[in-house]
């Protein structure tokens, strides 16, 4: 499997603005933010995309959600944020290493009412 941009960030081969890190995940600022706060929550285990996950990944998937909550509390987001997962190129995924987008600080007008 080819090493992804996120693998290189996890391995500290390239720099990133790290907001949070634990043994299973890393949270970085998005380099092309779509909101005042736009973070990427990345598992250290490489899973190409959500639809590639299987039963053995359920613990890390839950962990990523809990990291989102933890980071939102650290940043005092007052329980006001969006979590987005792009799955596949046609859904906007550009790095094929599963990651969650945490966005906050503005209303996202494209969301359904």
Protein backbone atom coordinates (compact mmCIF):
# COMPACT_ATOMS: atom_id res chain seq x y z
CA UNK A 1 0.00 0.00 0.00
CA UNK A 2 1.29 3.46 -0.89
CA UNK A 3 2.06 5.79 1.97
CA UNK A 4 -0.48 8.64 2.11
CA UNK A 5 0.02 12.27 3.01
CA UNK A 6 -1.58 11.49 6.38
CA UNK A 7 0.83 8.59 6.99
CA UNK A 8 3.68 11.05 6.46
CA UNK A 9 2.11 13.48 8.95
CA UNK A 10 1.54 10.69 11.49
CA UNK A 11 5.18 9.59 11.08
CA UNK A 12 6.31 13.24 11.44
CA UNK A 13 7.97 13.09 8.02
CA UNK A 14 6.17 16.29 7.04
CA UNK A 15 5.01 19.07 9.36
CA UNK A 16 1.41 19.79 10.29
CA UNK A 17 -0.35 22.01 12.79
CA UNK A 18 -1.21 19.31 15.36
CA UNK A 19 -4.07 20.17 17.72
CA UNK A 20 -4.32 16.83 19.55
CA UNK A 21 -2.67 13.42 19.41
CA UNK A 22 -3.05 10.12 21.23
CA UNK A 23 -1.94 6.55 20.57
CA UNK A 24 -4.73 5.93 18.03
CA UNK A 25 -5.33 9.27 16.31
CA UNK A 26 -4.05 12.68 15.39
CA UNK A 27 -5.96 15.93 14.87
CA UNK A 28 -4.57 18.60 12.57
CA UNK A 29 -5.71 21.90 11.10
CA UNK A 30 -6.92 21.58 7.50
CA UNK A 31 -4.62 23.46 5.10
CA UNK A 32 -7.65 24.51 3.00
CA UNK A 33 -10.22 25.44 5.67
CA UNK A 34 -13.88 25.66 4.75
CA UNK A 35 -14.87 27.22 8.10
CA UNK A 36 -13.11 29.31 10.77
CA UNK A 37 -12.35 26.04 12.57
CA UNK A 38 -11.65 23.13 10.22
CA UNK A 39 -9.81 20.17 11.70
CA UNK A 40 -9.04 16.70 10.38
CA UNK A 41 -9.36 13.79 12.79
CA UNK A 42 -7.21 10.97 11.43
CA UNK A 43 -6.78 7.42 12.69
CA UNK A 44 -3.20 6.23 12.88
CA UNK A 45 -4.39 2.96 11.38
CA UNK A 46 -4.68 3.36 7.63
CA UNK A 47 -8.23 2.70 6.44
CA UNK A 48 -8.59 3.98 2.86
CA UNK A 49 -12.20 5.15 3.29
CA UNK A 50 -15.20 4.55 5.50
CA UNK A 51 -16.65 1.93 3.16
CA UNK A 52 -13.37 -0.01 3.53
CA UNK A 53 -13.86 -0.34 7.29
CA UNK A 54 -14.98 -3.65 8.71
CA UNK A 55 -16.00 -5.18 12.02
CA UNK A 56 -12.46 -5.02 13.41
CA UNK A 57 -12.45 -1.23 12.89
CA UNK A 58 -15.47 -0.46 15.06
CA UNK A 59 -13.33 0.48 18.08
CA UNK A 60 -11.23 3.00 16.13
CA UNK A 61 -14.34 4.44 14.46
CA UNK A 62 -15.91 5.06 17.87
CA UNK A 63 -12.63 6.45 19.15
CA UNK A 64 -12.55 9.03 16.35
CA UNK A 65 -16.02 10.26 17.34
CA UNK A 66 -14.96 10.57 20.98
CA UNK A 67 -11.84 12.47 19.92
CA UNK A 68 -14.13 14.91 18.07
CA UNK A 69 -16.03 15.50 21.32
CA UNK A 70 -12.79 15.87 23.31
CA UNK A 71 -11.32 18.39 20.85
CA UNK A 72 -14.60 20.35 20.73
CA UNK A 73 -14.42 20.71 24.52
CA UNK A 74 -10.74 21.72 24.43
CA UNK A 75 -11.59 24.42 21.87
CA UNK A 76 -14.77 25.43 23.75
CA UNK A 77 -17.01 24.99 20.70
CA UNK A 78 -20.14 24.91 22.89
CA UNK A 79 -21.43 21.72 21.25
CA UNK A 80 -21.68 23.53 17.90
CA UNK A 81 -19.80 21.71 15.18
CA UNK A 82 -20.28 19.50 12.13
CA UNK A 83 -18.59 16.19 11.45
CA UNK A 84 -18.21 15.24 7.79
CA UNK A 85 -16.74 12.12 6.21
CA UNK A 86 -16.17 12.10 2.46
CA UNK A 87 -16.24 8.55 1.09
CA UNK A 88 -14.70 8.14 -2.36
CA UNK A 89 -13.49 10.51 -5.05
CA UNK A 90 -17.00 11.36 -6.26
CA UNK A 91 -17.88 12.41 -2.70
CA UNK A 92 -14.91 14.78 -2.48
CA UNK A 93 -12.35 12.50 -0.83
CA UNK A 94 -8.87 13.50 -1.99
CA UNK A 95 -6.66 11.62 0.49
CA UNK A 96 -7.47 7.92 0.69
CA UNK A 97 -6.85 7.57 4.40
CA UNK A 98 -10.10 7.82 6.36
CA UNK A 99 -10.50 11.13 8.18
CA UNK A 100 -13.25 13.15 9.79
CA UNK A 101 -13.68 16.84 9.12
CA UNK A 102 -14.68 18.85 12.19
CA UNK A 103 -16.02 22.25 11.16
CA UNK A 104 -17.22 25.06 13.39
CA UNK A 105 -17.46 28.82 13.55
CA UNK A 106 -19.96 29.42 10.76
CA UNK A 107 -23.26 28.11 9.53
CA UNK A 108 -22.86 25.65 6.67
CA UNK A 109 -25.52 26.75 4.19
CA UNK A 110 -25.43 23.58 2.07
CA UNK A 111 -26.79 21.40 4.88
CA UNK A 112 -30.39 20.23 4.50
CA UNK A 113 -32.94 22.08 6.60
